[in-house]
Protein backbone atom coordinates (compact mmCIF):
# COMPACT_ATOMS: atom_id res chain seq x y z
CA UNK A 1 11.61 2.71 -25.82
CA UNK A 2 12.73 2.12 -22.22
CA UNK A 3 16.13 0.50 -21.71
CA UNK A 4 19.84 1.24 -21.57
CA UNK A 5 21.16 3.29 -24.50
CA UNK A 6 24.90 3.45 -25.18
CA UNK A 7 27.04 5.46 -27.57
CA UNK A 8 30.41 4.04 -28.61
CA UNK A 9 31.03 6.85 -31.10
CA UNK A 10 28.75 5.74 -33.91
CA UNK A 11 25.48 6.97 -32.42
CA UNK A 12 23.11 5.82 -29.70
CA UNK A 13 21.96 2.22 -29.67
CA UNK A 14 19.58 0.34 -27.42
CA UNK A 15 21.43 -2.41 -25.56
CA UNK A 16 19.93 -5.86 -25.22
CA UNK A 17 19.49 -7.04 -21.63
CA UNK A 18 21.40 -10.08 -20.44
CA UNK A 19 19.23 -13.14 -19.90
CA UNK A 20 19.07 -14.49 -16.37
CA UNK A 21 20.82 -17.82 -16.05
CA UNK A 22 17.85 -19.23 -14.19
CA UNK A 23 14.97 -18.19 -11.95
CA UNK A 24 17.09 -18.71 -8.84
CA UNK A 25 19.44 -15.93 -10.01
CA UNK A 26 16.60 -13.41 -10.18
CA UNK A 27 15.23 -14.69 -6.87
CA UNK A 28 18.59 -14.23 -5.15
CA UNK A 29 18.97 -10.71 -6.56
CA UNK A 30 15.64 -9.65 -5.02
CA UNK A 31 16.28 -11.54 -1.79
CA UNK A 32 19.56 -9.69 -1.23
CA UNK A 33 18.35 -6.33 -2.57
CA UNK A 34 14.58 -5.97 -1.88
CA UNK A 35 14.75 -2.18 -1.95
CA UNK A 36 15.90 -2.34 -5.55
CA UNK A 37 12.19 -2.72 -6.38
CA UNK A 38 10.39 0.54 -7.34
CA UNK A 39 7.24 -0.10 -5.30
CA UNK A 40 4.26 2.24 -5.09
CA UNK A 41 4.75 4.59 -2.15
CA UNK A 42 8.47 3.68 -1.98
CA UNK A 43 8.37 1.69 1.29
CA UNK A 44 11.57 0.09 2.57
CA UNK A 45 11.23 -3.67 2.90
CA UNK A 46 12.73 -6.03 5.43
CA UNK A 47 12.95 -9.61 4.17
CA UNK A 48 11.63 -12.06 6.77
CA UNK A 49 12.20 -15.28 4.88
CA UNK A 50 12.62 -17.08 1.58
CA UNK A 51 10.55 -20.04 0.42
CA UNK A 52 8.11 -19.48 3.29
CA UNK A 53 5.48 -22.20 3.69
CA UNK A 54 2.02 -20.64 3.34
CA UNK A 55 -0.72 -23.23 2.97
CA UNK A 56 0.05 -25.79 0.28
CA UNK A 57 2.86 -23.80 -1.29
CA UNK A 58 5.96 -21.76 -0.61
CA UNK A 59 6.02 -18.00 -1.12
CA UNK A 60 9.26 -16.97 -2.83
CA UNK A 61 9.94 -14.07 -0.46
CA UNK A 62 8.02 -12.73 2.53
CA UNK A 63 8.88 -9.20 3.64
CA UNK A 64 7.38 -6.44 5.76
CA UNK A 65 7.16 -2.65 5.55
CA UNK A 66 8.09 -0.34 8.48
CA UNK A 67 4.36 0.16 9.15
CA UNK A 68 3.93 -3.58 9.70
CA UNK A 69 2.29 -4.26 6.35
CA UNK A 70 3.34 -7.67 4.96
CA UNK A 71 4.64 -7.94 1.40
CA UNK A 72 4.48 -11.21 -0.53
CA UNK A 73 6.93 -11.37 -3.46
CA UNK A 74 6.72 -13.90 -6.27
CA UNK A 75 9.56 -14.18 -8.80
CA UNK A 76 9.26 -15.73 -12.26
CA UNK A 77 11.06 -15.71 -15.58
CA UNK A 78 8.88 -15.09 -18.62
CA UNK A 79 9.82 -18.48 -20.07
CA UNK A 80 8.23 -20.16 -17.05
CA UNK A 81 4.68 -21.24 -18.02
CA UNK A 82 3.53 -19.99 -14.59
CA UNK A 83 4.56 -16.41 -15.44
CA UNK A 84 1.10 -15.58 -16.83
CA UNK A 85 -2.03 -16.56 -14.92
CA UNK A 86 -0.56 -19.05 -12.45
CA UNK A 87 1.65 -16.48 -10.71
CA UNK A 88 -1.46 -14.49 -9.82
CA UNK A 89 -3.36 -17.47 -8.43
CA UNK A 90 -0.28 -18.50 -6.43
CA UNK A 91 0.23 -15.14 -4.75
CA UNK A 92 -3.49 -14.77 -4.00
CA UNK A 93 -3.50 -18.22 -2.40
CA UNK A 94 -0.59 -17.19 -0.17
CA UNK A 95 -2.40 -13.97 0.79
CA UNK A 96 -5.58 -15.90 1.60
CA UNK A 97 -3.63 -18.26 3.87
CA UNK A 98 -1.82 -15.37 5.56
CA UNK A 99 -5.03 -13.49 6.37
CA UNK A 100 -6.16 -14.04 9.95
CA UNK A 101 -2.84 -15.54 11.08
CA UNK A 102 -1.51 -14.34 14.41
CA UNK A 103 1.86 -12.64 14.67
CA UNK A 104 2.99 -15.45 16.97
CA UNK A 105 2.06 -18.13 14.42
CA UNK A 106 3.79 -16.22 11.64
CA UNK A 107 6.94 -15.86 13.72
CA UNK A 108 6.87 -19.57 14.52
CA UNK A 109 6.72 -20.42 10.82
CA UNK A 110 9.73 -18.18 10.21
CA UNK A 111 11.88 -19.44 13.08
CA UNK A 112 14.10 -21.71 11.06
CA UNK A 113 17.85 -21.71 10.85
CA UNK A 114 19.27 -18.89 8.78
CA UNK A 115 16.19 -16.65 8.60
CA UNK A 116 16.22 -13.03 9.72
CA UNK A 117 13.54 -13.77 12.31
CA UNK A 118 15.51 -16.70 13.75
CA UNK A 119 18.64 -14.59 14.20
CA UNK A 120 16.68 -11.65 15.66
CA UNK A 121 14.20 -13.55 17.83
CA UNK A 122 11.10 -11.82 16.45
CA UNK A 123 9.72 -10.03 13.41
CA UNK A 124 10.09 -6.70 15.20
CA UNK A 125 13.71 -7.52 16.00
CA UNK A 126 14.41 -8.32 12.35
CA UNK A 127 12.86 -5.04 11.23
CA UNK A 128 14.67 -2.97 13.87
CA UNK A 129 17.99 -4.48 12.78
CA UNK A 130 17.43 -3.06 9.28
CA UNK A 131 15.84 0.22 10.41
CA UNK A 132 18.53 2.77 9.66
CA UNK A 133 16.12 5.68 9.28
CA UNK A 134 14.21 5.31 12.55
CA UNK A 135 11.00 4.63 10.64
CA UNK A 136 9.79 1.82 12.91
CA UNK A 137 7.75 2.57 16.03
CA UNK A 138 8.48 -0.36 18.32
CA UNK A 139 5.46 0.39 20.53
CA UNK A 140 2.94 0.06 17.71
CA UNK A 141 4.63 -2.17 15.12
CA UNK A 142 3.44 -5.57 16.35
CA UNK A 143 -0.13 -4.35 16.86
CA UNK A 144 -0.12 -2.81 13.40
CA UNK A 145 1.23 -6.03 11.87
CA UNK A 146 -1.55 -8.00 13.56
CA UNK A 147 -4.11 -5.55 12.23
CA UNK A 148 -2.81 -5.99 8.68
CA UNK A 149 -2.97 -9.76 9.08
CA UNK A 150 -6.53 -9.59 10.43
CA UNK A 151 -7.66 -7.31 7.60
CA UNK A 152 -5.82 -9.20 4.84
CA UNK A 153 -4.27 -5.88 3.82
CA UNK A 154 -1.07 -6.87 2.03
CA UNK A 155 1.31 -5.74 -0.69
CA UNK A 156 1.58 -8.28 -3.50
CA UNK A 157 4.68 -7.97 -5.68
CA UNK A 158 5.19 -9.83 -8.95
CA UNK A 159 8.76 -9.66 -10.29
CA UNK A 160 9.60 -10.92 -13.78
CA UNK A 161 12.22 -10.32 -16.43
CA UNK A 162 9.49 -9.62 -18.98
CA UNK A 163 5.86 -8.78 -18.12
CA UNK A 164 3.22 -10.02 -20.56
CA UNK A 165 0.25 -7.91 -21.63
CA UNK A 166 -2.04 -10.59 -20.20
CA UNK A 167 -0.47 -10.30 -16.75
CA UNK A 168 -0.70 -6.50 -16.90
CA UNK A 169 -4.41 -6.75 -17.63
CA UNK A 170 -5.06 -9.21 -14.79
CA UNK A 171 -3.11 -7.04 -12.34
CA UNK A 172 -5.02 -3.93 -13.45
CA UNK A 173 -8.35 -5.68 -12.83
CA UNK A 174 -7.35 -6.90 -9.38
CA UNK A 175 -5.97 -3.48 -8.51
CA UNK A 176 -9.26 -1.82 -9.45
CA UNK A 177 -11.46 -4.06 -7.29
CA UNK A 178 -9.20 -4.35 -4.23
CA UNK A 179 -8.28 -0.70 -3.78
CA UNK A 180 -8.74 -0.77 0.01
CA UNK A 181 -7.21 -4.19 0.70
CA UNK A 182 -4.28 -4.81 -1.61
CA UNK A 183 -1.48 -2.96 -3.33
CA UNK A 184 -0.29 -4.84 -6.40
CA UNK A 185 3.13 -4.05 -7.85
CA UNK A 186 4.21 -5.63 -11.13
CA UNK A 187 7.96 -5.19 -11.69
CA UNK A 188 9.98 -5.89 -14.82
CA UNK A 189 13.67 -6.24 -13.99
CA UNK A 190 16.46 -6.38 -16.57
CA UNK A 191 20.24 -6.67 -16.19
CA UNK A 192 22.70 -5.01 -18.58
CA UNK A 193 26.46 -5.15 -19.01
CA UNK A 194 27.80 -1.61 -19.44
CA UNK A 195 31.57 -1.41 -19.85
CA UNK A 196 32.03 -4.46 -17.68
CA UNK A 197 29.70 -3.26 -14.91
CA UNK A 198 26.37 -4.89 -14.12
CA UNK A 199 23.47 -2.43 -14.36
CA UNK A 200 20.03 -3.31 -13.00
CA UNK A 201 16.99 -1.64 -14.54
CA UNK A 202 13.85 -2.31 -12.45
CA UNK A 203 10.61 -0.79 -13.77
CA UNK A 204 7.21 -0.70 -12.11
CA UNK A 205 4.84 -1.65 -14.91
CA UNK A 206 1.71 0.45 -15.20
CA UNK A 207 -1.02 -2.19 -15.53
CA UNK A 208 -3.00 -0.27 -18.11
CA UNK A 209 -1.87 2.75 -20.17
CA UNK A 210 -5.27 4.31 -19.62
CA UNK A 211 -5.05 4.02 -15.83
CA UNK A 212 -3.12 6.97 -14.42
CA UNK A 213 -2.75 7.18 -10.63
CA UNK A 214 -4.04 10.42 -9.13
CA UNK A 215 -3.51 9.79 -5.45
CA UNK A 216 -1.19 7.25 -3.90
CA UNK A 217 -0.76 5.88 -0.44
CA UNK A 218 -3.01 4.84 2.40
CA UNK A 219 -6.21 6.51 3.53
CA UNK A 220 -8.49 5.44 0.72
CA UNK A 221 -5.90 3.67 -1.36
CA UNK A 222 -4.80 4.52 -4.84
CA UNK A 223 -7.32 6.34 -6.99
CA UNK A 224 -7.20 6.38 -10.78
CA UNK A 225 -9.15 8.05 -13.53
CA UNK A 226 -10.61 4.73 -14.60
CA UNK A 227 -12.35 4.42 -11.23
CA UNK A 228 -14.01 7.82 -11.20
CA UNK A 229 -13.27 11.51 -11.00
CA UNK A 230 -11.21 13.45 -8.50
CA UNK A 231 -11.94 17.14 -7.90
CA UNK A 232 -10.40 19.77 -5.63
CA UNK A 233 -12.35 20.97 -2.62
CA UNK A 234 -15.66 19.87 -1.13
CA UNK A 235 -18.17 21.36 -3.60
CA UNK A 236 -18.99 18.10 -5.38
CA UNK A 237 -19.39 16.29 -2.06
CA UNK A 238 -21.67 19.08 -0.80
CA UNK A 239 -23.81 18.76 -3.93
CA UNK A 240 -24.16 15.03 -3.27
CA UNK A 241 -25.83 15.69 0.11
CA UNK A 242 -27.94 18.66 -0.95
CA UNK A 243 -31.17 16.65 -1.00
CA UNK A 244 -30.59 14.96 2.36
CA UNK A 245 -32.47 16.19 5.43
CA UNK A 246 -32.90 15.29 9.08
CA UNK A 247 -30.17 14.05 11.40
CA UNK A 248 -28.08 12.71 8.52
CA UNK A 249 -27.87 16.19 6.97
CA UNK A 250 -26.80 17.71 10.29
CA UNK A 251 -23.94 15.21 10.56
CA UNK A 252 -22.94 15.75 6.92
CA UNK A 253 -22.77 19.52 7.49
CA UNK A 254 -20.63 19.01 10.60
CA UNK A 255 -18.26 16.74 8.68
CA UNK A 256 -17.96 19.16 5.77
CA UNK A 257 -17.24 22.09 8.09
CA UNK A 258 -14.70 19.97 9.96
CA UNK A 259 -12.95 18.94 6.74
CA UNK A 260 -12.73 22.56 5.62
CA UNK A 261 -11.07 23.44 8.94
CA UNK A 262 -8.59 20.61 8.46
CA UNK A 263 -7.78 21.91 4.97
CA UNK A 264 -6.61 25.20 6.52
CA UNK A 265 -3.73 23.38 8.17
CA UNK A 266 -0.35 23.49 6.41
CA UNK A 267 0.35 20.54 4.08
CA UNK A 268 -3.32 19.48 4.01
CA UNK A 269 -5.38 19.36 0.82
CA UNK A 270 -9.10 18.65 0.44
CA UNK A 271 -10.44 16.55 -2.42
CA UNK A 272 -13.67 14.85 -3.46
CA UNK A 273 -13.67 11.52 -5.27
CA UNK A 274 -16.73 10.39 -7.24
CA UNK A 275 -16.77 6.75 -8.29
CA UNK A 276 -17.97 5.49 -11.65
CA UNK A 277 -21.66 6.28 -12.29
CA UNK A 278 -21.70 8.61 -9.28
CA UNK A 279 -21.17 5.85 -6.73
CA UNK A 280 -18.90 5.96 -3.67
CA UNK A 281 -18.59 9.70 -3.17
CA UNK A 282 -15.91 10.48 -0.59
CA UNK A 283 -14.39 13.58 0.94
CA UNK A 284 -10.63 13.26 1.37
CA UNK A 285 -8.58 15.52 3.67
CA UNK A 286 -5.02 14.47 2.83
CA UNK A 287 -1.49 15.35 3.80
CA UNK A 288 0.37 16.64 0.73
CA UNK A 289 2.86 15.86 -0.62
CA UNK A 290 2.44 12.18 0.02
CA UNK A 291 -1.31 11.95 -0.56
CA UNK A 292 -2.01 10.16 2.73
CA UNK A 293 -5.23 10.63 4.66
CA UNK A 294 -5.89 9.73 8.28
CA UNK A 295 -9.60 9.49 7.48
CA UNK A 296 -12.03 9.13 4.59
CA UNK A 297 -15.48 10.74 4.82
CA UNK A 298 -18.21 8.82 3.00
CA UNK A 299 -21.61 9.57 1.56
CA UNK A 300 -22.73 5.96 1.93
CA UNK A 301 -26.17 5.82 0.32
CA UNK A 302 -27.08 9.15 1.94
CA UNK A 303 -25.62 8.10 5.28
CA UNK A 304 -22.54 9.81 6.74
CA UNK A 305 -19.56 7.66 7.70
CA UNK A 306 -15.88 8.01 8.55
CA UNK A 307 -13.15 5.42 7.98
CA UNK A 308 -9.79 5.56 9.76
CA UNK A 309 -6.47 4.27 8.41
CA UNK A 310 -4.01 2.69 10.83
CA UNK A 311 -0.97 2.76 8.56
CA UNK A 312 -1.22 6.54 8.18
CA UNK A 313 -1.69 7.07 11.92
CA UNK A 314 1.35 4.87 12.58
CA UNK A 315 3.46 6.90 10.18
CA UNK A 316 2.19 10.47 10.61
CA UNK A 317 0.24 10.75 13.87
CA UNK A 318 1.39 7.98 16.26
CA UNK A 319 1.06 10.18 19.36
CA UNK A 320 -2.66 10.69 18.63
CA UNK A 321 -3.59 7.01 18.41
CA UNK A 322 -4.40 6.56 22.10
CA UNK A 323 -6.62 9.65 22.37
CA UNK A 324 -8.45 8.86 19.12
CA UNK A 325 -9.09 5.26 20.15
CA UNK A 326 -10.43 6.45 23.49
CA UNK A 327 -12.84 8.75 21.65
CA UNK A 328 -14.02 6.13 19.13
CA UNK A 329 -14.15 3.16 21.56
CA UNK A 330 -14.98 0.33 21.19
CA UNK A 331 -13.83 0.83 17.56
CA UNK A 332 -10.09 0.56 16.98
CA UNK A 333 -8.04 2.40 14.38
CA UNK A 334 -7.68 -0.11 11.55
CA UNK A 335 -7.25 -0.17 7.80
CA UNK A 336 -10.57 1.36 6.84
CA UNK A 337 -12.45 0.63 10.06
CA UNK A 338 -15.71 2.61 10.13
CA UNK A 339 -16.61 4.60 13.24
CA UNK A 340 -19.76 3.59 15.09
CA UNK A 341 -20.63 7.17 15.98
CA UNK A 342 -19.45 10.63 15.01
CA UNK A 343 -19.39 13.01 17.98
CA UNK A 344 -17.87 16.40 18.70
CA UNK A 345 -15.20 14.69 20.80
CA UNK A 346 -14.32 12.33 17.94
CA UNK A 347 -13.89 15.21 15.50
CA UNK A 348 -11.84 17.14 18.06
CA UNK A 349 -9.37 14.29 18.54
CA UNK A 350 -9.17 13.64 14.79
CA UNK A 351 -8.37 17.31 14.20
CA UNK A 352 -5.55 17.06 16.76
CA UNK A 353 -4.24 14.02 14.87
CA UNK A 354 -4.17 16.02 11.61
CA UNK A 355 -2.37 18.83 13.41
CA UNK A 356 0.27 16.32 14.50
CA UNK A 357 0.57 14.93 10.97
CA UNK A 358 0.75 18.38 9.38
CA UNK A 359 3.58 19.42 11.69
CA UNK A 360 5.92 16.63 10.57
């Protein structure tokens, strides 16, 4: 049983957590200490505002990751009737309103007295003020943020003192069908009194005990056993294209050979993911550890395709963005944007990007 165990001399006993006085107490704890939350991928958050007006409601906390990815945080106590289904509908409504918003409009909505954005003059300024690790690239941050807003690619965080089985099930379902668009973190947070000191115990709740993450991070999202099968190497992907002929087969062979070359780089692994019932077969060259891929190679109904992932480029290969975008023009590097054409020049620039990422 997870919790705080203490021993006063008569054996180990499981302490009971202290109840929160009210929802505002839990809200304030997260607002002041957002990086207390054990989020998937362990991003550092910068809080942009509290009680942020999004549509017809107010999001409890709006934050942003160093990559520019927005995070919407909703806080509830289990005794609140909204802590089951309503919290999910609320946070999805906020995400729907946020999608498509411009950075300028978002900043305008945050420019009120006392907010981080108001004191810093911009979202970038607020993030740079908190950036103690040099993780933010000022030249690309605003463009990346706009791309996340356009794509509706957000992190949704539900924080409660106790997480119900019903909420876990709903979150697991949403997580399984929005793998490329959303990351959903469900956090149970308890407070204990240990010898007069306050001890916080935040736990990221696994939505379903049968869903075990295999890969985490961008570049294809999180993959779990419930969604299909992950195998090492390219053999399964090669088998999936064995019956294809013509120009499509030529491109598939080029992509497979290219991926094998990428896998020879240090810190790069090559995997094949096969979705449930053999659907959505992808070839994944990924930086390990970290499980982040700059690209995903698809067998899309016997047609070859490549998707590119902006958040990974921003973090691992920022110097390659300009050359890659020149090669793939008019396509831009986005969160899962699919290339219009796959040429030798495109593969050459993508290889250089992996070389940059592997050298970090």
